[in-house]
Amino acid sequence: MTVDAEALFRRIGFSAIVLALPGCTCSRNDEPKPAAASATAAPAAGSATEVPVVNVPRPPLVASGRPPIDKIIRLPSGPALEILPGQGAGAIRLGATTETIERLMGMPCEIKTATECVYIGRAVEFFLDDKGMTKEIRIDRLDRPAPPEGRTYGVFNGRMANGLTLMMIPKGVESLIGPPQKVEEVTNGGPADTVQIAYYDGLRIEYDKLPPERIVVGGIVVTKGSGKPLSPPAAPHPSAASAKSNSK
């Protein structure tokens, strides 16, 4: 019997012939699906489901991978130095030589001349007499102008035992060590804008003016003195205060 293949194709189609072949296990589900049925197919232009693609620019990356820093944070370093009126700072006392200063500070002077040994980063200066011995020690507030021009002092690692330190207001200072022996008004305070100097036994307090209108401790200078501790003003005796009120 002769089979007309072309006529058979027209009558029952290709799929039926394939299924009729011996040993075939194919099904209609195995046929490849057209790409148009894919869920990722782009919708027709102008249709209600069309979503426009917007290219959103990304912010520029920092080269280091970290956000930019506006200001470097300074931390205290070196030995802790207790401010001792009339005596010195920590173990470094008035009369110390440059060699002793460098040994106790643990590093060479940043600026060293015949008259001074300066540590700008640690905000402390040692002034020497004509014999090369310490006669004064100045402690400076953070960011106070320092030599050479354009530099500023770092953080001083210390304070007085009673808590007196840099950046305090005059009222706070007097509550700790009492009123000064003498006050000198400064007309030309230089780059630090020093406006007043208060004198105590073995101590000078330099007050700077900071914007907008703040007067704070900008420098503390240890000088020769009796070495006696400075005390706050004595509180009035209760009986004296009562007698004063009764007299009114």
Protein backbone atom coordinates (compact mmCIF):
# COMPACT_ATOMS: atom_id res chain seq x y z
CA MET A 1 0.00 0.00 0.00
CA THR A 2 1.36 3.40 -1.01
CA VAL A 3 0.88 6.33 1.44
CA ASP A 4 0.59 9.83 0.04
CA ALA A 5 2.62 11.71 2.69
CA GLU A 6 1.75 15.15 1.35
CA ALA A 7 -1.97 14.46 1.52
CA LEU A 8 -1.60 13.03 5.02
CA PHE A 9 0.14 16.21 6.19
CA ARG A 10 -2.71 18.35 4.94
CA ARG A 11 -5.42 16.25 6.58
CA ILE A 12 -4.15 15.47 10.12
CA GLY A 13 -1.13 17.73 10.59
CA PHE A 14 2.42 17.14 11.64
CA SER A 15 1.67 16.51 15.34
CA ALA A 16 -0.61 13.59 14.70
CA ILE A 17 1.97 11.94 12.46
CA VAL A 18 4.67 12.31 15.09
CA LEU A 19 2.42 10.78 17.76
CA ALA A 20 1.67 7.90 15.45
CA LEU A 21 5.29 6.98 14.97
CA PRO A 22 6.36 3.89 17.00
CA GLY A 23 8.33 4.59 20.23
CA CYS A 24 7.52 8.31 20.40
CA THR A 25 6.88 9.67 23.90
CA CYS A 26 6.42 13.31 22.95
CA SER A 27 3.42 15.42 24.00
CA ARG A 28 2.07 18.85 23.18
CA ASN A 29 3.51 20.22 26.42
CA ASP A 30 6.99 19.46 25.16
CA GLU A 31 6.60 21.81 22.25
CA PRO A 32 8.65 25.07 22.62
CA LYS A 33 6.57 28.06 23.75
CA PRO A 34 6.76 31.27 21.76
CA ALA A 35 8.81 34.11 23.26
CA ALA A 36 5.73 36.35 23.27
CA ALA A 37 4.24 34.31 26.14
CA SER A 38 7.17 35.09 28.43
CA ALA A 39 6.35 37.21 31.51
CA THR A 40 9.35 39.38 30.78
CA ALA A 41 8.14 40.40 27.36
CA ALA A 42 7.98 44.16 26.91
CA PRO A 43 4.42 45.55 26.67
CA ALA A 44 3.29 47.14 23.48
CA ALA A 45 4.05 50.82 23.12
CA GLY A 46 1.26 53.02 24.41
CA SER A 47 -0.41 50.26 26.46
CA ALA A 48 -1.72 50.89 30.00
CA THR A 49 0.93 48.63 31.57
CA GLU A 50 3.89 50.33 29.94
CA VAL A 51 6.49 51.45 32.57
CA PRO A 52 9.01 54.00 31.38
CA VAL A 53 12.66 53.32 32.26
CA VAL A 54 14.30 56.25 34.07
CA ASN A 55 18.07 56.44 34.46
CA VAL A 56 18.66 57.84 37.99
CA PRO A 57 22.23 59.14 38.44
CA ARG A 58 24.10 57.66 41.39
CA PRO A 59 25.90 59.97 43.87
CA PRO A 60 29.65 60.13 43.34
CA LEU A 61 31.67 57.76 45.51
CA VAL A 62 34.37 59.02 47.84
CA ALA A 63 37.76 57.69 46.87
CA SER A 64 38.41 56.28 50.36
CA GLY A 65 34.97 54.75 50.65
CA ARG A 66 34.21 56.97 53.70
CA PRO A 67 32.25 60.22 53.99
CA PRO A 68 34.36 63.38 53.86
CA ILE A 69 35.55 64.82 57.20
CA ASP A 70 35.17 68.56 57.70
CA LYS A 71 37.53 68.78 60.65
CA ILE A 72 40.24 66.60 62.13
CA ILE A 73 39.44 65.52 65.68
CA ARG A 74 42.41 66.07 68.02
CA LEU A 75 42.98 63.93 71.08
CA PRO A 76 45.28 64.49 74.10
CA SER A 77 48.60 62.68 74.05
CA GLY A 78 51.70 62.36 76.15
CA PRO A 79 51.92 62.28 79.95
CA ALA A 80 49.10 63.68 82.07
CA LEU A 81 50.32 66.98 83.57
CA GLU A 82 48.64 68.36 86.67
CA ILE A 83 48.85 72.16 86.76
CA LEU A 84 50.64 73.16 89.98
CA PRO A 85 50.65 76.94 90.63
CA GLY A 86 54.10 78.17 91.58
CA GLN A 87 55.64 74.72 90.98
CA GLY A 88 55.22 73.30 87.48
CA ALA A 89 53.19 70.85 85.41
CA GLY A 90 53.18 67.23 86.52
CA ALA A 91 56.70 65.97 87.10
CA ILE A 92 58.18 68.88 85.13
CA ARG A 93 58.94 71.61 87.63
CA LEU A 94 60.20 75.14 87.31
CA GLY A 95 63.98 74.97 87.01
CA ALA A 96 63.96 71.89 84.71
CA THR A 97 66.40 71.82 81.81
CA THR A 98 65.51 71.03 78.21
CA GLU A 99 66.96 67.53 78.60
CA THR A 100 64.70 66.87 81.59
CA ILE A 101 61.66 68.25 79.74
CA GLU A 102 62.23 66.03 76.71
CA ARG A 103 62.81 62.95 78.88
CA LEU A 104 59.62 63.46 80.87
CA MET A 105 57.56 64.43 77.82
CA GLY A 106 58.78 61.33 76.00
CA MET A 107 59.75 63.16 72.80
CA PRO A 108 61.97 66.02 71.59
CA CYS A 109 60.71 69.61 71.62
CA GLU A 110 58.81 70.46 68.44
CA ILE A 111 60.40 73.91 68.53
CA LYS A 112 63.65 74.21 70.47
CA THR A 113 65.70 77.36 70.93
CA ALA A 114 67.90 78.79 73.67
CA THR A 115 64.84 80.39 75.28
CA GLU A 116 62.00 77.89 74.78
CA CYS A 117 60.88 74.30 74.27
CA VAL A 118 57.48 74.12 72.58
CA TYR A 119 55.05 71.22 72.04
CA ILE A 120 52.37 72.56 69.69
CA GLY A 121 50.49 69.28 69.38
CA ARG A 122 50.34 68.93 73.18
CA ALA A 123 49.61 72.64 73.75
CA VAL A 124 52.35 73.33 76.29
CA GLU A 125 55.37 75.64 76.16
CA PHE A 126 58.39 75.78 78.45
CA PHE A 127 60.21 79.13 78.62
CA LEU A 128 63.85 79.12 79.71
CA ASP A 129 66.00 81.68 81.51
CA ASP A 130 69.54 82.66 80.49
CA LYS A 131 70.87 79.53 82.22
CA GLY A 132 68.64 77.22 80.19
CA MET A 133 66.29 76.41 83.08
CA THR A 134 62.50 76.57 82.99
CA LYS A 135 61.16 79.85 84.38
CA GLU A 136 57.55 79.68 83.08
CA ILE A 137 55.20 77.06 81.65
CA ARG A 138 52.32 78.15 79.41
CA ILE A 139 49.37 75.91 78.57
CA ASP A 140 47.22 76.86 75.57
CA ARG A 141 43.62 76.15 74.61
CA LEU A 142 42.72 74.02 71.62
CA ASP A 143 43.00 75.85 68.27
CA ARG A 144 44.76 78.87 69.78
CA PRO A 145 47.07 80.37 67.14
CA ALA A 146 50.60 78.95 67.37
CA PRO A 147 53.93 79.69 65.71
CA PRO A 148 54.63 79.56 62.84
CA GLU A 149 51.67 81.40 61.37
CA GLY A 150 48.90 79.09 60.20
CA ARG A 151 49.32 76.47 62.94
CA THR A 152 47.16 76.02 66.04
CA TYR A 153 47.70 74.27 69.36
CA GLY A 154 46.38 70.79 70.05
CA VAL A 155 44.86 69.36 73.23
CA PHE A 156 46.59 69.74 76.59
CA ASN A 157 46.53 66.52 78.60
CA GLY A 158 45.89 67.79 82.13
CA ARG A 159 44.23 70.29 84.48
CA MET A 160 44.39 71.46 88.09
CA ALA A 161 43.39 69.01 90.82
CA ASN A 162 40.34 71.17 91.64
CA GLY A 163 39.11 70.94 88.03
CA LEU A 164 40.29 74.31 86.75
CA THR A 165 41.12 74.02 83.07
CA LEU A 166 41.09 75.78 79.72
CA MET A 167 37.92 77.24 78.13
CA MET A 168 36.32 78.07 81.50
CA ILE A 169 34.59 81.42 81.98
CA PRO A 170 35.95 83.91 84.58
CA LYS A 171 33.14 83.22 87.03
CA GLY A 172 33.94 79.51 86.99
CA VAL A 173 37.64 80.19 87.59
CA GLU A 174 36.95 82.45 90.58
CA SER A 175 34.62 79.88 92.09
CA LEU A 176 37.60 77.47 92.23
CA ILE A 177 40.58 79.68 93.15
CA GLY A 178 39.01 82.94 94.30
CA PRO A 179 39.41 86.48 92.92
CA PRO A 180 42.77 87.42 91.38
CA GLN A 181 45.37 89.60 93.07
CA LYS A 182 45.42 91.87 90.02
CA VAL A 183 43.65 92.13 86.66
CA GLU A 184 45.31 93.60 83.57
CA GLU A 185 43.17 94.68 80.61
CA VAL A 186 44.79 93.92 77.24
CA THR A 187 44.21 96.32 74.35
CA ASN A 188 46.13 94.43 71.66
CA GLY A 189 45.63 90.75 72.28
CA GLY A 190 47.29 89.49 69.11
CA PRO A 191 46.04 86.54 67.01
CA ALA A 192 44.49 84.85 70.08
CA ASP A 193 42.49 88.02 70.87
CA THR A 194 43.52 88.00 74.53
CA VAL A 195 41.49 90.64 76.38
CA GLN A 196 42.45 90.18 80.04
CA ILE A 197 45.13 88.68 82.29
CA ALA A 198 44.35 87.71 85.89
CA TYR A 199 47.29 87.37 88.30
CA TYR A 200 47.43 84.84 91.16
CA ASP A 201 50.17 83.51 93.41
CA GLY A 202 52.29 81.43 91.03
CA LEU A 203 49.73 81.58 88.23
CA ARG A 204 48.48 83.80 85.40
CA ILE A 205 45.18 83.24 83.65
CA GLU A 206 44.91 84.63 80.10
CA TYR A 207 41.35 85.21 78.89
CA ASP A 208 40.60 85.17 75.15
CA LYS A 209 37.51 86.46 73.39
CA LEU A 210 35.84 83.96 71.10
CA PRO A 211 32.91 84.67 68.78
CA PRO A 212 30.25 85.70 69.23
CA GLU A 213 31.01 87.30 72.64
CA ARG A 214 32.52 84.63 74.85
CA ILE A 215 35.37 85.29 77.30
CA VAL A 216 37.16 82.04 78.18
CA VAL A 217 40.47 80.82 79.55
CA GLY A 218 42.81 80.77 76.58
CA GLY A 219 46.08 80.28 78.43
CA ILE A 220 47.32 79.24 81.87
CA VAL A 221 50.86 80.28 82.82
CA VAL A 222 52.69 78.70 85.76
CA THR A 223 55.15 81.16 87.29
CA LYS A 224 57.31 81.31 90.40
CA GLY A 225 55.32 81.64 93.59
CA SER A 226 54.90 80.36 97.11
CA GLY A 227 53.60 77.02 95.89
CA LYS A 228 50.65 77.18 98.25
CA PRO A 229 47.39 75.79 96.86
CA LEU A 230 44.90 78.37 95.63
CA SER A 231 41.60 78.21 97.46
CA PRO A 232 38.08 79.31 96.55
CA PRO A 233 36.60 82.27 98.41
CA ALA A 234 35.41 81.37 101.89
CA ALA A 235 31.65 81.14 102.29
CA PRO A 236 30.19 83.68 104.74
CA HIS A 237 29.59 82.32 108.23
CA PRO A 238 25.88 81.73 108.91
CA SER A 239 25.94 83.88 112.07
CA ALA A 240 27.57 86.77 110.18
CA ALA A 241 24.98 86.57 107.44
CA SER A 242 22.19 86.51 110.04
CA ALA A 243 23.60 89.53 111.85
CA LYS A 244 23.84 91.43 108.57
CA SER A 245 20.20 90.70 107.73
CA ASN A 246 19.06 91.73 111.23
CA SER A 247 20.88 95.05 110.96
CA LYS A 248 18.73 95.89 107.98
